[in-house]
Structures are given as structure tokens and as C-alpha cells.
Amino acid sequence: MGARGSLTSEMTIKSDRWIARMANEHKMIEPFVDTQVRSGVISYGLSSYGYDIRVADEFKIFTNINSTVIDPKSFDPRSFIDLRASECIVPPNSFALARTVEYFRIPRDVLTVCLGKSTYARCGIIVNVTPFEPEWEGTATLEISNTTPLPAKIYANEGIAQVLFFQSDEACQTSYADKKGKYQTQQEVTLPKI
């Protein structure tokens, strides 16, 4: 059996041409910026093999004012302070939740991986986004960690992370939509659900 035997399947990273076509013809990304915007901002928009997403102006900033325990099975929303602003200050050694400006509709044969932008990473700010599963749609909730002992500034409506799109040579048997995933069609910063 060769490298392309019948038991193997492949996933390939998709190019800017494919991303633009899927955004324009299938509304995979809305709003879609078909070039890399860089002047005076943390870059966002289409890149060679990915799409740089923007953070919206809605934040939930972690606070210990109520001395609650962080429990993913019973999350206390009082653990966050809501903020709507053009800038967000994440306290030292703390984190905030936010969401993307962009709304995504992921095809059934595609999985994404999202990585934080180096501009923030070089400042000790780590962005975590779980993969966008096949047929998931919505705005993505972003987890932004400030690993430094100093306050960290996040700029709304500017780049925060890059999404890479991987397409399989066959559609999955069960998609996120089929599973009726709990984060399907979210349009706001969404707290943990069980």
C-alpha cells in the first residue's frame, strides 16, 4: 500500500484563493476583508494561508471580587466584569473573554485551527481559541490570557489571532451541527456550558 493507500485520508491547508471564494460564494466569513489591513493597526484580514480575525468591543474581564471558584461545570458569571470599549485592560496574571467580529460558517469537510498573533504573544498575551468544527457557525469566543505581572491592553476591532483552514478529502460522518453542539450560532461572548 503506497503513501496514498485506501485507508488514509488527507487534510490540506487552504490558500487565500480558496478562503476568498468560500467567503464570497458561501458566506464562510462575514464580514470578510479580502486583503491584509496593516497600517497603524494590529493586522487583520486575508493572508496567504489563513485569515486574521478581529476581536470585537465586548469583553468579560476576570475578577476575584466575589471570591468564587472557577468551575467549568457550574460557572459563576459574577467572576467577570462586562466591558464594551475600544480598548480592554487585562489585569496582571489574569484573563478576559471576548468574541470575534467575524461570523463563521464552517463547511462539513473543514476543520480550523486558530493561533494567537505574534504581536500579542511577544507581549506575554496568549490567545486561545478551540478549533472550529465541521458545520459549526457563529462568532468565536476568545480566551485572552495576560501572563505578565503588568496590565495588558487589547485593541478592539483589530487583529487578535489567525485561523487556518484544513479541508479533508471526505466529509465527516457526524458534524457539529449534527451533534446539536451547545455553542452553535452563538453571537456573543459565551460562558462555559455543560
C-alpha atoms as a PDB file:
ATOM      1  CA  MET A   1       0.000   0.000   0.000  1.00  0.00           C
ATOM      2  CA  GLY A   2       1.527   3.316  -1.055  1.00  0.00           C
ATOM      3  CA  ALA A   3       1.555   6.687   0.692  1.00  0.00           C
ATOM      4  CA  ARG A   4      -1.934   7.319  -0.687  1.00  0.00           C
ATOM      5  CA  GLY A   5      -3.376   3.933   0.272  1.00  0.00           C
ATOM      6  CA  SER A   6      -7.092   3.348   0.616  1.00  0.00           C
ATOM      7  CA  LEU A   7      -7.024   3.582   4.429  1.00  0.00           C
ATOM      8  CA  THR A   8      -5.500   7.034   4.587  1.00  0.00           C
ATOM      9  CA  SER A   9      -7.186  10.353   4.190  1.00  0.00           C
ATOM     10  CA  GLU A  10      -5.580  13.736   3.817  1.00  0.00           C
ATOM     11  CA  MET A  11      -6.219  17.200   5.121  1.00  0.00           C
ATOM     12  CA  THR A  12      -4.663  20.089   3.279  1.00  0.00           C
ATOM     13  CA  ILE A  13      -4.268  23.679   4.359  1.00  0.00           C
ATOM     14  CA  LYS A  14      -6.313  26.034   2.206  1.00  0.00           C
ATOM     15  CA  SER A  15      -4.950  29.071   0.364  1.00  0.00           C
ATOM     16  CA  ASP A  16      -6.080  32.675   0.176  1.00  0.00           C
ATOM     17  CA  ARG A  17      -7.849  31.925  -3.137  1.00  0.00           C
ATOM     18  CA  TRP A  18      -9.976  29.176  -1.545  1.00  0.00           C
ATOM     19  CA  ILE A  19     -10.738  31.269   1.563  1.00  0.00           C
ATOM     20  CA  ALA A  20     -11.835  34.234  -0.582  1.00  0.00           C
ATOM     21  CA  ARG A  21     -14.003  32.035  -2.798  1.00  0.00           C
ATOM     22  CA  MET A  22     -15.689  30.378   0.211  1.00  0.00           C
ATOM     23  CA  ALA A  23     -16.226  33.742   1.900  1.00  0.00           C
ATOM     24  CA  ASN A  24     -17.713  35.348  -1.199  1.00  0.00           C
ATOM     25  CA  GLU A  25     -19.760  32.430  -2.554  1.00  0.00           C
ATOM     26  CA  HIS A  26     -20.758  30.618   0.664  1.00  0.00           C
ATOM     27  CA  LYS A  27     -20.566  33.367   3.323  1.00  0.00           C
ATOM     28  CA  MET A  28     -17.992  31.343   5.298  1.00  0.00           C
ATOM     29  CA  ILE A  29     -16.687  34.571   6.909  1.00  0.00           C
ATOM     30  CA  GLU A  30     -18.815  37.717   7.445  1.00  0.00           C
ATOM     31  CA  PRO A  31     -17.714  40.454   7.309  1.00  0.00           C
ATOM     32  CA  PHE A  32     -14.852  39.404   5.032  1.00  0.00           C
ATOM     33  CA  VAL A  33     -11.795  41.581   4.335  1.00  0.00           C
ATOM     34  CA  ASP A  34     -10.090  40.371   1.147  1.00  0.00           C
ATOM     35  CA  THR A  35      -6.659  41.829   1.909  1.00  0.00           C
ATOM     36  CA  GLN A  36      -4.353  42.201   4.893  1.00  0.00           C
ATOM     37  CA  VAL A  37      -5.078  45.511   6.712  1.00  0.00           C
ATOM     38  CA  ARG A  38      -1.865  46.615   8.433  1.00  0.00           C
ATOM     39  CA  SER A  39      -1.479  50.382   8.522  1.00  0.00           C
ATOM     40  CA  GLY A  40      -1.476  51.619  12.132  1.00  0.00           C
ATOM     41  CA  VAL A  41      -3.350  48.558  13.470  1.00  0.00           C
ATOM     42  CA  ILE A  42      -2.635  45.017  14.560  1.00  0.00           C
ATOM     43  CA  SER A  43      -3.155  43.324  11.205  1.00  0.00           C
ATOM     44  CA  TYR A  44      -6.326  41.523  10.176  1.00  0.00           C
ATOM     45  CA  GLY A  45      -7.920  40.124   7.023  1.00  0.00           C
ATOM     46  CA  LEU A  46      -6.915  37.598   4.387  1.00  0.00           C
ATOM     47  CA  SER A  47      -3.353  36.248   4.422  1.00  0.00           C
ATOM     48  CA  SER A  48      -1.570  33.657   2.257  1.00  0.00           C
ATOM     49  CA  TYR A  49      -2.856  30.571   4.088  1.00  0.00           C
ATOM     50  CA  GLY A  50      -5.235  31.901   6.695  1.00  0.00           C
ATOM     51  CA  TYR A  51      -7.470  34.653   7.896  1.00  0.00           C
ATOM     52  CA  ASP A  52      -6.563  37.083  10.691  1.00  0.00           C
ATOM     53  CA  ILE A  53      -9.650  37.607  12.844  1.00  0.00           C
ATOM     54  CA  ARG A  54     -10.555  40.721  14.828  1.00  0.00           C
ATOM     55  CA  VAL A  55     -11.623  40.974  18.439  1.00  0.00           C
ATOM     56  CA  ALA A  56     -14.941  42.766  18.952  1.00  0.00           C
ATOM     57  CA  ASP A  57     -15.505  45.521  21.529  1.00  0.00           C
ATOM     58  CA  GLU A  58     -17.287  43.213  24.026  1.00  0.00           C
ATOM     59  CA  PHE A  59     -15.195  41.823  26.873  1.00  0.00           C
ATOM     60  CA  LYS A  60     -15.704  39.846  30.066  1.00  0.00           C
ATOM     61  CA  ILE A  61     -12.761  40.564  32.376  1.00  0.00           C
ATOM     62  CA  PHE A  62     -11.963  38.109  35.156  1.00  0.00           C
ATOM     63  CA  THR A  63     -12.258  39.446  38.704  1.00  0.00           C
ATOM     64  CA  ASN A  64     -11.875  37.826  42.109  1.00  0.00           C
ATOM     65  CA  ILE A  65     -14.027  40.434  43.835  1.00  0.00           C
ATOM     66  CA  ASN A  66     -16.619  37.780  44.782  1.00  0.00           C
ATOM     67  CA  SER A  67     -14.008  35.149  45.758  1.00  0.00           C
ATOM     68  CA  THR A  68     -15.730  32.472  43.688  1.00  0.00           C
ATOM     69  CA  VAL A  69     -14.142  29.243  42.481  1.00  0.00           C
ATOM     70  CA  ILE A  70     -13.806  28.775  38.728  1.00  0.00           C
ATOM     71  CA  ASP A  71     -15.798  25.636  37.983  1.00  0.00           C
ATOM     72  CA  PRO A  72     -16.469  24.735  34.317  1.00  0.00           C
ATOM     73  CA  LYS A  73     -19.440  22.586  35.399  1.00  0.00           C
ATOM     74  CA  SER A  74     -21.025  25.349  37.466  1.00  0.00           C
ATOM     75  CA  PHE A  75     -19.640  28.630  36.248  1.00  0.00           C
ATOM     76  CA  ASP A  76     -20.473  31.720  38.293  1.00  0.00           C
ATOM     77  CA  PRO A  77     -20.978  34.678  35.901  1.00  0.00           C
ATOM     78  CA  ARG A  78     -20.106  37.021  38.792  1.00  0.00           C
ATOM     79  CA  SER A  79     -16.477  36.026  38.114  1.00  0.00           C
ATOM     80  CA  PHE A  80     -16.424  38.557  35.253  1.00  0.00           C
ATOM     81  CA  ILE A  81     -17.000  42.250  34.773  1.00  0.00           C
ATOM     82  CA  ASP A  82     -18.629  43.167  31.437  1.00  0.00           C
ATOM     83  CA  LEU A  83     -16.974  45.885  29.371  1.00  0.00           C
ATOM     84  CA  ARG A  84     -17.850  47.385  25.992  1.00  0.00           C
ATOM     85  CA  ALA A  85     -14.982  49.605  24.831  1.00  0.00           C
ATOM     86  CA  SER A  86     -12.424  50.245  22.090  1.00  0.00           C
ATOM     87  CA  GLU A  87      -9.665  49.033  24.436  1.00  0.00           C
ATOM     88  CA  CYS A  88      -9.602  46.450  27.218  1.00  0.00           C
ATOM     89  CA  ILE A  89      -7.061  46.295  30.022  1.00  0.00           C
ATOM     90  CA  VAL A  90      -6.495  42.708  31.153  1.00  0.00           C
ATOM     91  CA  PRO A  91      -5.194  42.680  34.757  1.00  0.00           C
ATOM     92  CA  PRO A  92      -1.779  41.136  35.536  1.00  0.00           C
ATOM     93  CA  ASN A  93      -1.760  37.308  35.589  1.00  0.00           C
ATOM     94  CA  SER A  94      -5.440  37.279  34.656  1.00  0.00           C
ATOM     95  CA  PHE A  95      -7.623  36.807  31.617  1.00  0.00           C
ATOM     96  CA  ALA A  96     -10.610  38.049  29.678  1.00  0.00           C
ATOM     97  CA  LEU A  97     -13.143  36.555  27.317  1.00  0.00           C
ATOM     98  CA  ALA A  98     -14.082  38.284  24.079  1.00  0.00           C
ATOM     99  CA  ARG A  99     -15.571  37.361  20.715  1.00  0.00           C
ATOM    100  CA  THR A 100     -14.672  37.743  17.085  1.00  0.00           C
ATOM    101  CA  VAL A 101     -16.060  40.490  14.877  1.00  0.00           C
ATOM    102  CA  GLU A 102     -16.450  37.824  12.201  1.00  0.00           C
ATOM    103  CA  TYR A 103     -19.286  35.293  11.981  1.00  0.00           C
ATOM    104  CA  PHE A 104     -18.177  31.906  10.583  1.00  0.00           C
ATOM    105  CA  ARG A 105     -19.982  29.124   8.714  1.00  0.00           C
ATOM    106  CA  ILE A 106     -17.616  26.159   8.513  1.00  0.00           C
ATOM    107  CA  PRO A 107     -18.146  23.616   5.703  1.00  0.00           C
ATOM    108  CA  ARG A 108     -18.776  19.968   6.596  1.00  0.00           C
ATOM    109  CA  ASP A 109     -15.358  18.810   5.319  1.00  0.00           C
ATOM    110  CA  VAL A 110     -13.330  21.572   7.018  1.00  0.00           C
ATOM    111  CA  LEU A 111     -11.713  21.960  10.453  1.00  0.00           C
ATOM    112  CA  THR A 112      -9.911  25.102  11.567  1.00  0.00           C
ATOM    113  CA  VAL A 113      -7.015  25.733  13.919  1.00  0.00           C
ATOM    114  CA  CYS A 114      -6.607  29.185  15.421  1.00  0.00           C
ATOM    115  CA  LEU A 115      -3.337  30.640  16.694  1.00  0.00           C
ATOM    116  CA  GLY A 116      -2.690  33.901  18.521  1.00  0.00           C
ATOM    117  CA  LYS A 117      -0.901  36.700  16.688  1.00  0.00           C
ATOM    118  CA  SER A 118       2.799  37.146  17.377  1.00  0.00           C
ATOM    119  CA  THR A 119       2.354  40.864  18.145  1.00  0.00           C
ATOM    120  CA  TYR A 120       0.388  39.951  21.281  1.00  0.00           C
ATOM    121  CA  ALA A 121       2.400  36.791  22.060  1.00  0.00           C
ATOM    122  CA  ARG A 122       5.591  38.879  22.196  1.00  0.00           C
ATOM    123  CA  CYS A 123       3.901  40.959  24.909  1.00  0.00           C
ATOM    124  CA  GLY A 124       3.031  37.901  27.015  1.00  0.00           C
ATOM    125  CA  ILE A 125      -0.598  37.838  25.863  1.00  0.00           C
ATOM    126  CA  ILE A 126      -1.783  34.376  24.884  1.00  0.00           C
ATOM    127  CA  VAL A 127      -4.955  33.893  22.814  1.00  0.00           C
ATOM    128  CA  ASN A 128      -6.686  30.523  22.894  1.00  0.00           C
ATOM    129  CA  VAL A 129      -9.469  29.524  20.535  1.00  0.00           C
ATOM    130  CA  THR A 130     -10.662  25.948  20.181  1.00  0.00           C
ATOM    131  CA  PRO A 131     -10.942  24.503  16.659  1.00  0.00           C
ATOM    132  CA  PHE A 132     -13.991  25.446  14.609  1.00  0.00           C
ATOM    133  CA  GLU A 133     -15.575  22.073  13.948  1.00  0.00           C
ATOM    134  CA  PRO A 134     -17.264  20.965  10.700  1.00  0.00           C
ATOM    135  CA  GLU A 135     -20.611  22.772  10.246  1.00  0.00           C
ATOM    136  CA  TRP A 136     -20.118  24.947  13.327  1.00  0.00           C
ATOM    137  CA  GLU A 137     -21.301  28.502  12.853  1.00  0.00           C
ATOM    138  CA  GLY A 138     -21.225  31.650  14.956  1.00  0.00           C
ATOM    139  CA  THR A 139     -18.850  34.214  16.351  1.00  0.00           C
ATOM    140  CA  ALA A 140     -15.955  32.587  18.191  1.00  0.00           C
ATOM    141  CA  THR A 141     -15.421  33.189  21.885  1.00  0.00           C
ATOM    142  CA  LEU A 142     -11.780  34.103  22.506  1.00  0.00           C
ATOM    143  CA  GLU A 143      -9.817  33.412  25.685  1.00  0.00           C
ATOM    144  CA  ILE A 144      -7.157  36.079  26.251  1.00  0.00           C
ATOM    145  CA  SER A 145      -4.571  35.419  28.981  1.00  0.00           C
ATOM    146  CA  ASN A 146      -2.197  38.042  30.329  1.00  0.00           C
ATOM    147  CA  THR A 147       0.791  36.021  31.555  1.00  0.00           C
ATOM    148  CA  THR A 148       2.736  39.101  32.683  1.00  0.00           C
ATOM    149  CA  PRO A 149       2.887  40.878  36.071  1.00  0.00           C
ATOM    150  CA  LEU A 150       1.719  44.092  34.320  1.00  0.00           C
ATOM    151  CA  PRO A 151      -1.662  45.214  32.921  1.00  0.00           C
ATOM    152  CA  ALA A 152      -2.062  44.404  29.206  1.00  0.00           C
ATOM    153  CA  LYS A 153      -4.011  46.355  26.579  1.00  0.00           C
ATOM    154  CA  ILE A 154      -6.167  44.674  23.920  1.00  0.00           C
ATOM    155  CA  TYR A 155      -7.391  46.745  20.950  1.00  0.00           C
ATOM    156  CA  ALA A 156     -10.955  46.110  19.779  1.00  0.00           C
ATOM    157  CA  ASN A 157     -11.658  45.832  16.034  1.00  0.00           C
ATOM    158  CA  GLU A 158      -8.024  44.896  15.341  1.00  0.00           C
ATOM    159  CA  GLY A 159      -6.313  41.558  14.718  1.00  0.00           C
ATOM    160  CA  ILE A 160      -6.088  39.047  17.574  1.00  0.00           C
ATOM    161  CA  ALA A 161      -5.462  35.605  16.010  1.00  0.00           C
ATOM    162  CA  GLN A 162      -5.129  33.727  12.719  1.00  0.00           C
ATOM    163  CA  VAL A 163      -7.496  30.980  11.551  1.00  0.00           C
ATOM    164  CA  LEU A 164      -6.051  28.203   9.378  1.00  0.00           C
ATOM    165  CA  PHE A 165      -8.489  26.122   7.320  1.00  0.00           C
ATOM    166  CA  PHE A 166      -7.900  22.406   6.720  1.00  0.00           C
ATOM    167  CA  GLN A 167     -10.084  20.519   4.239  1.00  0.00           C
ATOM    168  CA  SER A 168     -10.404  16.746   4.333  1.00  0.00           C
ATOM    169  CA  ASP A 169     -10.729  14.593   1.246  1.00  0.00           C
ATOM    170  CA  GLU A 170     -14.024  13.304   2.668  1.00  0.00           C
ATOM    171  CA  ALA A 171     -16.842  14.786   4.726  1.00  0.00           C
ATOM    172  CA  CYS A 172     -17.115  13.724   8.351  1.00  0.00           C
ATOM    173  CA  GLN A 173     -19.769  11.243   9.446  1.00  0.00           C
ATOM    174  CA  THR A 174     -21.026  13.469  12.276  1.00  0.00           C
ATOM    175  CA  SER A 175     -20.677  17.262  12.195  1.00  0.00           C
ATOM    176  CA  TYR A 176     -21.036  19.811  14.995  1.00  0.00           C
ATOM    177  CA  ALA A 177     -24.481  20.692  13.630  1.00  0.00           C
ATOM    178  CA  ASP A 178     -25.477  17.011  13.642  1.00  0.00           C
ATOM    179  CA  LYS A 179     -24.471  16.822  17.338  1.00  0.00           C
ATOM    180  CA  LYS A 180     -26.513  19.965  18.027  1.00  0.00           C
ATOM    181  CA  GLY A 181     -23.414  21.495  19.634  1.00  0.00           C
ATOM    182  CA  LYS A 182     -24.015  23.767  22.612  1.00  0.00           C
ATOM    183  CA  TYR A 183     -22.104  26.707  21.117  1.00  0.00           C
ATOM    184  CA  GLN A 184     -23.856  26.612  17.712  1.00  0.00           C
ATOM    185  CA  THR A 185     -24.873  30.037  16.310  1.00  0.00           C
ATOM    186  CA  GLN A 186     -23.503  31.966  19.317  1.00  0.00           C
ATOM    187  CA  GLN A 187     -23.275  35.696  18.649  1.00  0.00           C
ATOM    188  CA  GLU A 188     -21.981  36.999  21.960  1.00  0.00           C
ATOM    189  CA  VAL A 189     -19.234  36.177  24.429  1.00  0.00           C
ATOM    190  CA  THR A 190     -20.407  32.791  25.682  1.00  0.00           C
ATOM    191  CA  LEU A 191     -19.537  31.378  29.113  1.00  0.00           C
ATOM    192  CA  PRO A 192     -18.841  27.641  29.654  1.00  0.00           C
ATOM    193  CA  LYS A 193     -21.809  25.296  29.259  1.00  0.00           C
ATOM    194  CA  ILE A 194     -22.299  21.644  30.209  1.00  0.00           C
END
